[in-house]
Amino acid sequence: MLLCHAGPHRLAFQAHEVASIASPSGHAAASARRAFHETDGASRVLVSASGGAVGVDTLEIDAEPRPVLPAPPVTVRASGGSLRGFVLARGLLWPLVGLADFERFLRGHSGEGA
């Protein structure tokens, strides 16, 4: 699992959904900050097998298996279907999102700085 930050906000992605991790230069990545109505920015880009890319500020690899807690249907709908649930890591809840679905959601969502 990848534990990431978009500004002060937490996000988690399943590692198997990430084909590569790259620097922002050369990638037209959708910034994860858009989901939180913040100015775009990223220091790392997560690239999916389909070629979609999401920019995040920080990321850490978490090798511990974690159960996925279900997400309320209203939050799944509000995330464009990208929210898979929540994981508990480091004593905090992290929203677990599908990388390709989250990238599509971000492309259709304008944040303040987008």
PDB file of N, CA and C in Angstrom:
ATOM      1  N   MET A   1       0.846  -1.167   0.000  1.00  0.00           N
ATOM      2  CA  MET A   1       0.000   0.000   0.000  1.00  0.00           C
ATOM      3  C   MET A   1       0.894   1.234   0.000  1.00  0.00           C
ATOM      4  N   LEU A   2       0.443   2.265  -0.712  1.00  0.00           N
ATOM      5  CA  LEU A   2       1.145   3.538  -0.713  1.00  0.00           C
ATOM      6  C   LEU A   2       0.337   4.541   0.095  1.00  0.00           C
ATOM      7  N   LEU A   3       0.968   5.134   1.087  1.00  0.00           N
ATOM      8  CA  LEU A   3       0.343   6.169   1.903  1.00  0.00           C
ATOM      9  C   LEU A   3       0.869   7.507   1.408  1.00  0.00           C
ATOM     10  N   CYS A   4      -0.031   8.361   0.983  1.00  0.00           N
ATOM     11  CA  CYS A   4       0.364   9.610   0.333  1.00  0.00           C
ATOM     12  C   CYS A   4      -0.288  10.813   1.002  1.00  0.00           C
ATOM     13  N   HIS A   5       0.308  11.964   0.749  1.00  0.00           N
ATOM     14  CA  HIS A   5      -0.277  13.237   1.172  1.00  0.00           C
ATOM     15  C   HIS A   5      -0.502  14.118  -0.043  1.00  0.00           C
ATOM     16  N   ALA A   6      -1.606  14.833  -0.008  1.00  0.00           N
ATOM     17  CA  ALA A   6      -1.923  15.887  -0.970  1.00  0.00           C
ATOM     18  C   ALA A   6      -2.136  17.125  -0.117  1.00  0.00           C
ATOM     19  N   GLY A   7      -1.100  17.948   0.000  1.00  0.00           N
ATOM     20  CA  GLY A   7      -1.149  18.999   1.005  1.00  0.00           C
ATOM     21  C   GLY A   7      -1.198  18.312   2.363  1.00  0.00           C
ATOM     22  N   PRO A   8      -2.063  18.762   3.271  1.00  0.00           N
ATOM     23  CA  PRO A   8      -2.162  18.126   4.582  1.00  0.00           C
ATOM     24  C   PRO A   8      -3.081  16.897   4.596  1.00  0.00           C
ATOM     25  N   HIS A   9      -3.664  16.561   3.475  1.00  0.00           N
ATOM     26  CA  HIS A   9      -4.670  15.501   3.398  1.00  0.00           C
ATOM     27  C   HIS A   9      -4.032  14.150   3.073  1.00  0.00           C
ATOM     28  N   ARG A  10      -4.623  13.093   3.627  1.00  0.00           N
ATOM     29  CA  ARG A  10      -4.109  11.739   3.466  1.00  0.00           C
ATOM     30  C   ARG A  10      -4.874  10.986   2.380  1.00  0.00           C
ATOM     31  N   LEU A  11      -4.151  10.124   1.646  1.00  0.00           N
ATOM     32  CA  LEU A  11      -4.738   9.223   0.660  1.00  0.00           C
ATOM     33  C   LEU A  11      -3.924   7.939   0.641  1.00  0.00           C
ATOM     34  N   ALA A  12      -4.587   6.830   0.385  1.00  0.00           N
ATOM     35  CA  ALA A  12      -3.894   5.555   0.234  1.00  0.00           C
ATOM     36  C   ALA A  12      -4.272   4.944  -1.113  1.00  0.00           C
ATOM     37  N   PHE A  13      -3.311   4.243  -1.705  1.00  0.00           N
ATOM     38  CA  PHE A  13      -3.515   3.543  -2.970  1.00  0.00           C
ATOM     39  C   PHE A  13      -2.986   2.122  -2.819  1.00  0.00           C
ATOM     40  N   GLN A  14      -3.637   1.156  -3.457  1.00  0.00           N
ATOM     41  CA  GLN A  14      -3.116  -0.203  -3.483  1.00  0.00           C
ATOM     42  C   GLN A  14      -1.867  -0.205  -4.359  1.00  0.00           C
ATOM     43  N   ALA A  15      -0.795  -0.798  -3.881  1.00  0.00           N
ATOM     44  CA  ALA A  15       0.475  -0.789  -4.615  1.00  0.00           C
ATOM     45  C   ALA A  15       0.352  -1.463  -5.980  1.00  0.00           C
ATOM     46  N   HIS A  16      -0.461  -2.503  -6.079  1.00  0.00           N
ATOM     47  CA  HIS A  16      -0.565  -3.214  -7.363  1.00  0.00           C
ATOM     48  C   HIS A  16      -1.217  -2.372  -8.464  1.00  0.00           C
ATOM     49  N   GLU A  17      -1.869  -1.264  -8.099  1.00  0.00           N
ATOM     50  CA  GLU A  17      -2.479  -0.384  -9.099  1.00  0.00           C
ATOM     51  C   GLU A  17      -1.483   0.622  -9.672  1.00  0.00           C
ATOM     52  N   VAL A  18      -0.310   0.716  -9.066  1.00  0.00           N
ATOM     53  CA  VAL A  18       0.695   1.700  -9.480  1.00  0.00           C
ATOM     54  C   VAL A  18       1.743   0.998 -10.342  1.00  0.00           C
ATOM     55  N   ALA A  19       1.779   1.357 -11.633  1.00  0.00           N
ATOM     56  CA  ALA A  19       2.751   0.756 -12.547  1.00  0.00           C
ATOM     57  C   ALA A  19       4.137   1.363 -12.350  1.00  0.00           C
ATOM     58  N   SER A  20       4.178   2.665 -12.037  1.00  0.00           N
ATOM     59  CA  SER A  20       5.462   3.320 -11.800  1.00  0.00           C
ATOM     60  C   SER A  20       5.258   4.590 -10.979  1.00  0.00           C
ATOM     61  N   ILE A  21       6.360   5.055 -10.409  1.00  0.00           N
ATOM     62  CA  ILE A  21       6.394   6.315  -9.665  1.00  0.00           C
ATOM     63  C   ILE A  21       7.419   7.190 -10.369  1.00  0.00           C
ATOM     64  N   ALA A  22       7.030   8.411 -10.681  1.00  0.00           N
ATOM     65  CA  ALA A  22       7.899   9.287 -11.464  1.00  0.00           C
ATOM     66  C   ALA A  22       7.940  10.684 -10.863  1.00  0.00           C
ATOM     67  N   SER A  23       8.821  11.501 -11.410  1.00  0.00           N
ATOM     68  CA  SER A  23       8.837  12.919 -11.036  1.00  0.00           C
ATOM     69  C   SER A  23       7.778  13.631 -11.868  1.00  0.00           C
ATOM     70  N   PRO A  24       7.314  14.784 -11.412  1.00  0.00           N
ATOM     71  CA  PRO A  24       6.239  15.481 -12.128  1.00  0.00           C
ATOM     72  C   PRO A  24       6.625  15.965 -13.526  1.00  0.00           C
ATOM     73  N   SER A  25       7.899  16.220 -13.765  1.00  0.00           N
ATOM     74  CA  SER A  25       8.288  16.724 -15.083  1.00  0.00           C
ATOM     75  C   SER A  25       8.062  15.643 -16.141  1.00  0.00           C
ATOM     76  N   GLY A  26       7.439  16.045 -17.209  1.00  0.00           N
ATOM     77  CA  GLY A  26       7.181  15.107 -18.295  1.00  0.00           C
ATOM     78  C   GLY A  26       5.888  14.330 -18.168  1.00  0.00           C
ATOM     79  N   HIS A  27       5.124  14.554 -17.104  1.00  0.00           N
ATOM     80  CA  HIS A  27       3.844  13.867 -16.921  1.00  0.00           C
ATOM     81  C   HIS A  27       2.724  14.894 -16.781  1.00  0.00           C
ATOM     82  N   ALA A  28       1.667  14.681 -17.506  1.00  0.00           N
ATOM     83  CA  ALA A  28       0.476  15.532 -17.376  1.00  0.00           C
ATOM     84  C   ALA A  28      -0.413  14.907 -16.307  1.00  0.00           C
ATOM     85  N   ALA A  29       0.027  14.990 -15.068  1.00  0.00           N
ATOM     86  CA  ALA A  29      -0.678  14.348 -13.961  1.00  0.00           C
ATOM     87  C   ALA A  29      -1.729  15.271 -13.375  1.00  0.00           C
ATOM     88  N   ALA A  30      -2.838  14.679 -12.977  1.00  0.00           N
ATOM     89  CA  ALA A  30      -3.867  15.410 -12.237  1.00  0.00           C
ATOM     90  C   ALA A  30      -3.425  15.471 -10.776  1.00  0.00           C
ATOM     91  N   SER A  31      -3.377  16.645 -10.206  1.00  0.00           N
ATOM     92  CA  SER A  31      -2.952  16.802  -8.820  1.00  0.00           C
ATOM     93  C   SER A  31      -4.036  16.299  -7.868  1.00  0.00           C
ATOM     94  N   ALA A  32      -3.637  15.454  -6.912  1.00  0.00           N
ATOM     95  CA  ALA A  32      -4.577  14.959  -5.904  1.00  0.00           C
ATOM     96  C   ALA A  32      -5.133  16.093  -5.052  1.00  0.00           C
ATOM     97  N   ARG A  33      -4.444  17.221  -5.011  1.00  0.00           N
ATOM     98  CA  ARG A  33      -4.925  18.367  -4.232  1.00  0.00           C
ATOM     99  C   ARG A  33      -6.272  18.879  -4.737  1.00  0.00           C
ATOM    100  N   ARG A  34      -6.581  18.651  -6.018  1.00  0.00           N
ATOM    101  CA  ARG A  34      -7.860  19.104  -6.576  1.00  0.00           C
ATOM    102  C   ARG A  34      -9.049  18.545  -5.799  1.00  0.00           C
ATOM    103  N   ALA A  35      -8.917  17.336  -5.309  1.00  0.00           N
ATOM    104  CA  ALA A  35     -10.012  16.708  -4.565  1.00  0.00           C
ATOM    105  C   ALA A  35     -10.337  17.481  -3.294  1.00  0.00           C
ATOM    106  N   PHE A  36      -9.392  18.281  -2.835  1.00  0.00           N
ATOM    107  CA  PHE A  36      -9.563  19.033  -1.593  1.00  0.00           C
ATOM    108  C   PHE A  36      -9.656  20.539  -1.851  1.00  0.00           C
ATOM    109  N   HIS A  37      -9.898  20.915  -3.107  1.00  0.00           N
ATOM    110  CA  HIS A  37     -10.045  22.325  -3.504  1.00  0.00           C
ATOM    111  C   HIS A  37      -8.808  23.149  -3.166  1.00  0.00           C
ATOM    112  N   GLU A  38      -7.640  22.564  -3.401  1.00  0.00           N
ATOM    113  CA  GLU A  38      -6.384  23.263  -3.153  1.00  0.00           C
ATOM    114  C   GLU A  38      -5.644  23.481  -4.465  1.00  0.00           C
ATOM    115  N   THR A  39      -4.674  24.364  -4.438  1.00  0.00           N
ATOM    116  CA  THR A  39      -3.853  24.648  -5.606  1.00  0.00           C
ATOM    117  C   THR A  39      -3.088  23.397  -6.032  1.00  0.00           C
ATOM    118  N   ASP A  40      -3.055  23.144  -7.350  1.00  0.00           N
ATOM    119  CA  ASP A  40      -2.331  21.984  -7.871  1.00  0.00           C
ATOM    120  C   ASP A  40      -0.872  22.012  -7.451  1.00  0.00           C
ATOM    121  N   GLY A  41      -0.314  20.823  -7.280  1.00  0.00           N
ATOM    122  CA  GLY A  41       1.092  20.679  -6.954  1.00  0.00           C
ATOM    123  C   GLY A  41       1.396  19.221  -6.696  1.00  0.00           C
ATOM    124  N   ALA A  42       2.644  18.830  -6.912  1.00  0.00           N
ATOM    125  CA  ALA A  42       3.047  17.448  -6.669  1.00  0.00           C
ATOM    126  C   ALA A  42       4.565  17.349  -6.688  1.00  0.00           C
ATOM    127  N   SER A  43       5.098  16.421  -5.906  1.00  0.00           N
ATOM    128  CA  SER A  43       6.525  16.129  -5.960  1.00  0.00           C
ATOM    129  C   SER A  43       6.774  14.734  -6.522  1.00  0.00           C
ATOM    130  N   ARG A  44       5.719  13.915  -6.570  1.00  0.00           N
ATOM    131  CA  ARG A  44       5.782  12.567  -7.139  1.00  0.00           C
ATOM    132  C   ARG A  44       4.522  12.318  -7.948  1.00  0.00           C
ATOM    133  N   VAL A  45       4.641  11.457  -8.944  1.00  0.00           N
ATOM    134  CA  VAL A  45       3.506  11.102  -9.788  1.00  0.00           C
ATOM    135  C   VAL A  45       3.339   9.591  -9.763  1.00  0.00           C
ATOM    136  N   LEU A  46       2.122   9.145  -9.463  1.00  0.00           N
ATOM    137  CA  LEU A  46       1.777   7.728  -9.509  1.00  0.00           C
ATOM    138  C   LEU A  46       1.151   7.462 -10.868  1.00  0.00           C
ATOM    139  N   VAL A  47       1.712   6.525 -11.612  1.00  0.00           N
ATOM    140  CA  VAL A  47       1.238   6.221 -12.959  1.00  0.00           C
ATOM    141  C   VAL A  47       0.577   4.850 -12.945  1.00  0.00           C
ATOM    142  N   SER A  48      -0.645   4.782 -13.478  1.00  0.00           N
ATOM    143  CA  SER A  48      -1.376   3.514 -13.543  1.00  0.00           C
ATOM    144  C   SER A  48      -0.994   2.762 -14.815  1.00  0.00           C
ATOM    145  N   ALA A  49      -1.353   1.485 -14.880  1.00  0.00           N
ATOM    146  CA  ALA A  49      -1.074   0.669 -16.062  1.00  0.00           C
ATOM    147  C   ALA A  49      -1.756   1.231 -17.303  1.00  0.00           C
ATOM    148  N   SER A  50      -2.886   1.912 -17.119  1.00  0.00           N
ATOM    149  CA  SER A  50      -3.613   2.492 -18.252  1.00  0.00           C
ATOM    150  C   SER A  50      -3.006   3.817 -18.711  1.00  0.00           C
ATOM    151  N   GLY A  51      -2.000   4.308 -17.986  1.00  0.00           N
ATOM    152  CA  GLY A  51      -1.330   5.546 -18.362  1.00  0.00           C
ATOM    153  C   GLY A  51      -1.809   6.770 -17.613  1.00  0.00           C
ATOM    154  N   GLY A  52      -2.887   6.656 -16.852  1.00  0.00           N
ATOM    155  CA  GLY A  52      -3.357   7.776 -16.044  1.00  0.00           C
ATOM    156  C   GLY A  52      -2.344   8.092 -14.960  1.00  0.00           C
ATOM    157  N   ALA A  53      -2.275   9.352 -14.555  1.00  0.00           N
ATOM    158  CA  ALA A  53      -1.275   9.764 -13.574  1.00  0.00           C
ATOM    159  C   ALA A  53      -1.879  10.721 -12.558  1.00  0.00           C
ATOM    160  N   VAL A  54      -1.515  10.519 -11.292  1.00  0.00           N
ATOM    161  CA  VAL A  54      -1.972  11.369 -10.192  1.00  0.00           C
ATOM    162  C   VAL A  54      -0.747  11.888  -9.451  1.00  0.00           C
ATOM    163  N   GLY A  55      -0.698  13.199  -9.255  1.00  0.00           N
ATOM    164  CA  GLY A  55       0.398  13.810  -8.524  1.00  0.00           C
ATOM    165  C   GLY A  55       0.098  13.903  -7.046  1.00  0.00           C
ATOM    166  N   VAL A  56       1.084  13.545  -6.222  1.00  0.00           N
ATOM    167  CA  VAL A  56       0.963  13.635  -4.766  1.00  0.00           C
ATOM    168  C   VAL A  56       2.180  14.378  -4.221  1.00  0.00           C
ATOM    169  N   ASP A  57       2.063  14.871  -3.005  1.00  0.00           N
ATOM    170  CA  ASP A  57       3.166  15.607  -2.394  1.00  0.00           C
ATOM    171  C   ASP A  57       4.190  14.685  -1.748  1.00  0.00           C
ATOM    172  N   THR A  58       3.722  13.671  -1.047  1.00  0.00           N
ATOM    173  CA  THR A  58       4.625  12.712  -0.410  1.00  0.00           C
ATOM    174  C   THR A  58       4.049  11.321  -0.568  1.00  0.00           C
ATOM    175  N   LEU A  59       4.918  10.332  -0.449  1.00  0.00           N
ATOM    176  CA  LEU A  59       4.437   8.953  -0.437  1.00  0.00           C
ATOM    177  C   LEU A  59       5.377   8.088   0.374  1.00  0.00           C
ATOM    178  N   GLU A  60       4.784   7.099   1.006  1.00  0.00           N
ATOM    179  CA  GLU A  60       5.529   6.105   1.767  1.00  0.00           C
ATOM    180  C   GLU A  60       4.950   4.749   1.430  1.00  0.00           C
ATOM    181  N   ILE A  61       5.814   3.758   1.363  1.00  0.00           N
ATOM    182  CA  ILE A  61       5.354   2.392   1.132  1.00  0.00           C
ATOM    183  C   ILE A  61       5.081   1.761   2.480  1.00  0.00           C
ATOM    184  N   ASP A  62       3.901   1.184   2.626  1.00  0.00           N
ATOM    185  CA  ASP A  62       3.507   0.497   3.855  1.00  0.00           C
ATOM    186  C   ASP A  62       3.283  -0.968   3.496  1.00  0.00           C
ATOM    187  N   ALA A  63       4.163  -1.848   3.969  1.00  0.00           N
ATOM    188  CA  ALA A  63       4.112  -3.259   3.605  1.00  0.00           C
ATOM    189  C   ALA A  63       3.155  -4.081   4.464  1.00  0.00           C
ATOM    190  N   GLU A  64       2.606  -3.502   5.513  1.00  0.00           N
ATOM    191  CA  GLU A  64       1.698  -4.237   6.390  1.00  0.00           C
ATOM    192  C   GLU A  64       0.356  -4.476   5.708  1.00  0.00           C
ATOM    193  N   PRO A  65      -0.157  -5.711   5.761  1.00  0.00           N
ATOM    194  CA  PRO A  65      -1.510  -5.928   5.229  1.00  0.00           C
ATOM    195  C   PRO A  65      -2.529  -5.226   6.127  1.00  0.00           C
ATOM    196  N   ARG A  66      -3.449  -4.546   5.517  1.00  0.00           N
ATOM    197  CA  ARG A  66      -4.439  -3.782   6.278  1.00  0.00           C
ATOM    198  C   ARG A  66      -5.831  -4.121   5.785  1.00  0.00           C
ATOM    199  N   PRO A  67      -6.758  -4.364   6.713  1.00  0.00           N
ATOM    200  CA  PRO A  67      -8.143  -4.570   6.272  1.00  0.00           C
ATOM    201  C   PRO A  67      -8.725  -3.261   5.749  1.00  0.00           C
ATOM    202  N   VAL A  68      -9.600  -3.372   4.775  1.00  0.00           N
ATOM    203  CA  VAL A  68     -10.263  -2.196   4.213  1.00  0.00           C
ATOM    204  C   VAL A  68     -11.622  -2.049   4.881  1.00  0.00           C
ATOM    205  N   LEU A  69     -11.827  -0.913   5.527  1.00  0.00           N
ATOM    206  CA  LEU A  69     -13.104  -0.607   6.159  1.00  0.00           C
ATOM    207  C   LEU A  69     -14.031  -0.026   5.097  1.00  0.00           C
ATOM    208  N   PRO A  70     -15.293  -0.402   5.101  1.00  0.00           N
ATOM    209  CA  PRO A  70     -16.199   0.073   4.045  1.00  0.00           C
ATOM    210  C   PRO A  70     -16.440   1.579   4.120  1.00  0.00           C
ATOM    211  N   ALA A  71     -16.689   2.144   2.959  1.00  0.00           N
ATOM    212  CA  ALA A  71     -17.012   3.572   2.862  1.00  0.00           C
ATOM    213  C   ALA A  71     -18.516   3.725   2.720  1.00  0.00           C
ATOM    214  N   PRO A  72     -19.106   4.728   3.348  1.00  0.00           N
ATOM    215  CA  PRO A  72     -20.535   4.984   3.160  1.00  0.00           C
ATOM    216  C   PRO A  72     -20.819   5.281   1.683  1.00  0.00           C
ATOM    217  N   PRO A  73     -21.922   4.769   1.153  1.00  0.00           N
ATOM    218  CA  PRO A  73     -22.243   4.983  -0.266  1.00  0.00           C
ATOM    219  C   PRO A  73     -22.240   6.451  -0.689  1.00  0.00           C
ATOM    220  N   VAL A  74     -22.654   7.352   0.190  1.00  0.00           N
ATOM    221  CA  VAL A  74     -22.681   8.770  -0.182  1.00  0.00           C
ATOM    222  C   VAL A  74     -21.267   9.291  -0.458  1.00  0.00           C
ATOM    223  N   THR A  75     -20.265   8.822   0.289  1.00  0.00           N
ATOM    224  CA  THR A  75     -18.895   9.273   0.049  1.00  0.00           C
ATOM    225  C   THR A  75     -18.315   8.631  -1.207  1.00  0.00           C
ATOM    226  N   VAL A  76     -18.724   7.404  -1.486  1.00  0.00           N
ATOM    227  CA  VAL A  76     -18.287   6.752  -2.726  1.00  0.00           C
ATOM    228  C   VAL A  76     -18.815   7.540  -3.923  1.00  0.00           C
ATOM    229  N   ARG A  77     -20.093   7.917  -3.874  1.00  0.00           N
ATOM    230  CA  ARG A  77     -20.679   8.707  -4.970  1.00  0.00           C
ATOM    231  C   ARG A  77     -20.010  10.073  -5.089  1.00  0.00           C
ATOM    232  N   ALA A  78     -19.737  10.711  -3.961  1.00  0.00           N
ATOM    233  CA  ALA A  78     -19.112  12.041  -3.983  1.00  0.00           C
ATOM    234  C   ALA A  78     -17.699  11.997  -4.564  1.00  0.00           C
ATOM    235  N   SER A  79     -17.065  10.836  -4.510  1.00  0.00           N
ATOM    236  CA  SER A  79     -15.705  10.692  -5.042  1.00  0.00           C
ATOM    237  C   SER A  79     -15.707  10.171  -6.471  1.00  0.00           C
ATOM    238  N   GLY A  80     -16.856  10.175  -7.098  1.00  0.00           N
ATOM    239  CA  GLY A  80     -16.943   9.672  -8.464  1.00  0.00           C
ATOM    240  C   GLY A  80     -16.720   8.177  -8.559  1.00  0.00           C
ATOM    241  N   GLY A  81     -16.936   7.476  -7.454  1.00  0.00           N
ATOM    242  CA  GLY A  81     -16.743   6.029  -7.428  1.00  0.00           C
ATOM    243  C   GLY A  81     -15.311   5.604  -7.162  1.00  0.00           C
ATOM    244  N   SER A  82     -14.417   6.559  -6.910  1.00  0.00           N
ATOM    245  CA  SER A  82     -13.007   6.208  -6.717  1.00  0.00           C
ATOM    246  C   SER A  82     -12.679   5.745  -5.299  1.00  0.00           C
ATOM    247  N   LEU A  83     -13.502   6.105  -4.318  1.00  0.00           N
ATOM    248  CA  LEU A  83     -13.243   5.719  -2.928  1.00  0.00           C
ATOM    249  C   LEU A  83     -13.586   4.251  -2.730  1.00  0.00           C
ATOM    250  N   ARG A  84     -12.589   3.468  -2.299  1.00  0.00           N
ATOM    251  CA  ARG A  84     -12.772   2.028  -2.076  1.00  0.00           C
ATOM    252  C   ARG A  84     -13.104   1.701  -0.623  1.00  0.00           C
ATOM    253  N   GLY A  85     -12.750   2.618   0.264  1.00  0.00           N
ATOM    254  CA  GLY A  85     -12.941   2.390   1.689  1.00  0.00           C
ATOM    255  C   GLY A  85     -11.882   3.163   2.452  1.00  0.00           C
ATOM    256  N   PHE A  86     -11.611   2.704   3.662  1.00  0.00           N
ATOM    257  CA  PHE A  86     -10.620   3.365   4.512  1.00  0.00           C
ATOM    258  C   PHE A  86      -9.704   2.311   5.114  1.00  0.00           C
ATOM    259  N   VAL A  87      -8.455   2.681   5.352  1.00  0.00           N
ATOM    260  CA  VAL A  87      -7.520   1.806   6.044  1.00  0.00           C
ATOM    261  C   VAL A  87      -6.996   2.548   7.267  1.00  0.00           C
ATOM    262  N   LEU A  88      -6.717   1.793   8.307  1.00  0.00           N
ATOM    263  CA  LEU A  88      -6.157   2.355   9.530  1.00  0.00           C
ATOM    264  C   LEU A  88      -4.653   2.101   9.504  1.00  0.00           C
ATOM    265  N   ALA A  89      -3.876   3.171   9.469  1.00  0.00           N
ATOM    266  CA  ALA A  89      -2.414   3.065   9.460  1.00  0.00           C
ATOM    267  C   ALA A  89      -1.855   4.199  10.310  1.00  0.00           C
ATOM    268  N   ARG A  90      -0.900   3.865  11.144  1.00  0.00           N
ATOM    269  CA  ARG A  90      -0.259   4.856  12.017  1.00  0.00           C
ATOM    270  C   ARG A  90      -1.257   5.571  12.911  1.00  0.00           C
ATOM    271  N   GLY A  91      -2.310   4.856  13.296  1.00  0.00           N
ATOM    272  CA  GLY A  91      -3.312   5.410  14.194  1.00  0.00           C
ATOM    273  C   GLY A  91      -4.281   6.377  13.542  1.00  0.00           C
ATOM    274  N   LEU A  92      -4.261   6.477  12.215  1.00  0.00           N
ATOM    275  CA  LEU A  92      -5.133   7.399  11.483  1.00  0.00           C
ATOM    276  C   LEU A  92      -5.883   6.658  10.385  1.00  0.00           C
ATOM    277  N   LEU A  93      -7.059   7.176  10.037  1.00  0.00           N
ATOM    278  CA  LEU A  93      -7.797   6.633   8.898  1.00  0.00           C
ATOM    279  C   LEU A  93      -7.297   7.286   7.617  1.00  0.00           C
ATOM    280  N   TRP A  94      -7.062   6.464   6.618  1.00  0.00           N
ATOM    281  CA  TRP A  94      -6.609   6.927   5.306  1.00  0.00           C
ATOM    282  C   TRP A  94      -7.659   6.521   4.284  1.00  0.00           C
ATOM    283  N   PRO A  95      -8.187   7.445   3.500  1.00  0.00           N
ATOM    284  CA  PRO A  95      -9.107   7.062   2.426  1.00  0.00           C
ATOM    285  C   PRO A  95      -8.338   6.264   1.370  1.00  0.00           C
ATOM    286  N   LEU A  96      -8.849   5.095   1.036  1.00  0.00           N
ATOM    287  CA  LEU A  96      -8.249   4.242   0.014  1.00  0.00           C
ATOM    288  C   LEU A  96      -8.983   4.488  -1.294  1.00  0.00           C
ATOM    289  N   VAL A  97      -8.255   4.970  -2.303  1.00  0.00           N
ATOM    290  CA  VAL A  97      -8.877   5.269  -3.592  1.00  0.00           C
ATOM    291  C   VAL A  97      -8.232   4.425  -4.683  1.00  0.00           C
ATOM    292  N   GLY A  98      -9.036   4.093  -5.689  1.00  0.00           N
ATOM    293  CA  GLY A  98      -8.522   3.402  -6.861  1.00  0.00           C
ATOM    294  C   GLY A  98      -7.799   4.405  -7.746  1.00  0.00           C
ATOM    295  N   LEU A  99      -6.588   4.098  -8.161  1.00  0.00           N
ATOM    296  CA  LEU A  99      -5.758   5.069  -8.876  1.00  0.00           C
ATOM    297  C   LEU A  99      -6.396   5.535 -10.185  1.00  0.00           C
ATOM    298  N   ALA A 100      -6.810   4.622 -11.041  1.00  0.00           N
ATOM    299  CA  ALA A 100      -7.377   5.016 -12.342  1.00  0.00           C
ATOM    300  C   ALA A 100      -8.689   5.776 -12.164  1.00  0.00           C
ATOM    301  N   ASP A 101      -9.542   5.299 -11.256  1.00  0.00           N
ATOM    302  CA  ASP A 101     -10.819   5.983 -11.019  1.00  0.00           C
ATOM    303  C   ASP A 101     -10.609   7.364 -10.398  1.00  0.00           C
ATOM    304  N   PHE A 102      -9.634   7.476  -9.499  1.00  0.00           N
ATOM    305  CA  PHE A 102      -9.352   8.761  -8.863  1.00  0.00           C
ATOM    306  C   PHE A 102      -8.809   9.753  -9.893  1.00  0.00           C
ATOM    307  N   GLU A 103      -7.961   9.272 -10.798  1.00  0.00           N
ATOM    308  CA  GLU A 103      -7.429  10.146 -11.847  1.00  0.00           C
ATOM    309  C   GLU A 103      -8.563  10.678 -12.718  1.00  0.00           C
ATOM    310  N   ARG A 104      -9.504   9.823 -13.092  1.00  0.00           N
ATOM    311  CA  ARG A 104     -10.658  10.270 -13.894  1.00  0.00           C
ATOM    312  C   ARG A 104     -11.499  11.279 -13.113  1.00  0.00           C
ATOM    313  N   PHE A 105     -11.706  11.029 -11.827  1.00  0.00           N
ATOM    314  CA  PHE A 105     -12.450  11.957 -10.977  1.00  0.00           C
ATOM    315  C   PHE A 105     -11.760  13.322 -10.944  1.00  0.00           C
ATOM    316  N   LEU A 106     -10.448  13.330 -10.762  1.00  0.00           N
ATOM    317  CA  LEU A 106      -9.707  14.590 -10.692  1.00  0.00           C
ATOM    318  C   LEU A 106      -9.759  15.357 -12.006  1.00  0.00           C
ATOM    319  N   ARG A 107      -9.710  14.660 -13.116  1.00  0.00           N
ATOM    320  CA  ARG A 107      -9.754  15.320 -14.432  1.00  0.00           C
ATOM    321  C   ARG A 107     -11.076  16.064 -14.629  1.00  0.00           C
ATOM    322  N   GLY A 108     -12.142  15.559 -14.014  1.00  0.00           N
ATOM    323  CA  GLY A 108     -13.444  16.207 -14.147  1.00  0.00           C
ATOM    324  C   GLY A 108     -13.757  17.180 -13.032  1.00  0.00           C
ATOM    325  N   HIS A 109     -12.794  17.412 -12.154  1.00  0.00           N
ATOM    326  CA  HIS A 109     -13.015  18.216 -10.952  1.00  0.00           C
ATOM    327  C   HIS A 109     -12.023  19.365 -10.921  1.00  0.00           C
ATOM    328  N   SER A 110     -12.502  20.577 -10.958  1.00  0.00           N
ATOM    329  CA  SER A 110     -11.610  21.739 -10.892  1.00  0.00           C
ATOM    330  C   SER A 110     -11.453  22.186  -9.455  1.00  0.00           C
ATOM    331  N   GLY A 111     -10.223  22.185  -8.972  1.00  0.00           N
ATOM    332  CA  GLY A 111      -9.943  22.745  -7.650  1.00  0.00           C
ATOM    333  C   GLY A 111      -9.724  24.232  -7.790  1.00  0.00           C
ATOM    334  N   GLU A 112      -9.452  24.908  -6.689  1.00  0.00           N
ATOM    335  CA  GLU A 112      -9.245  26.359  -6.718  1.00  0.00           C
ATOM    336  C   GLU A 112      -8.092  26.742  -7.630  1.00  0.00           C
ATOM    337  N   GLY A 113      -7.050  25.940  -7.607  1.00  0.00           N
ATOM    338  CA  GLY A 113      -5.881  26.284  -8.406  1.00  0.00           C
ATOM    339  C   GLY A 113      -5.821  25.557  -9.723  1.00  0.00           C
ATOM    340  N   ALA A 114      -6.827  24.795 -10.056  1.00  0.00           N
ATOM    341  CA  ALA A 114      -6.768  23.984 -11.276  1.00  0.00           C
ATOM    342  C   ALA A 114      -7.077  24.797 -12.505  1.00  0.00           C
TER     343      ALA A 114
END
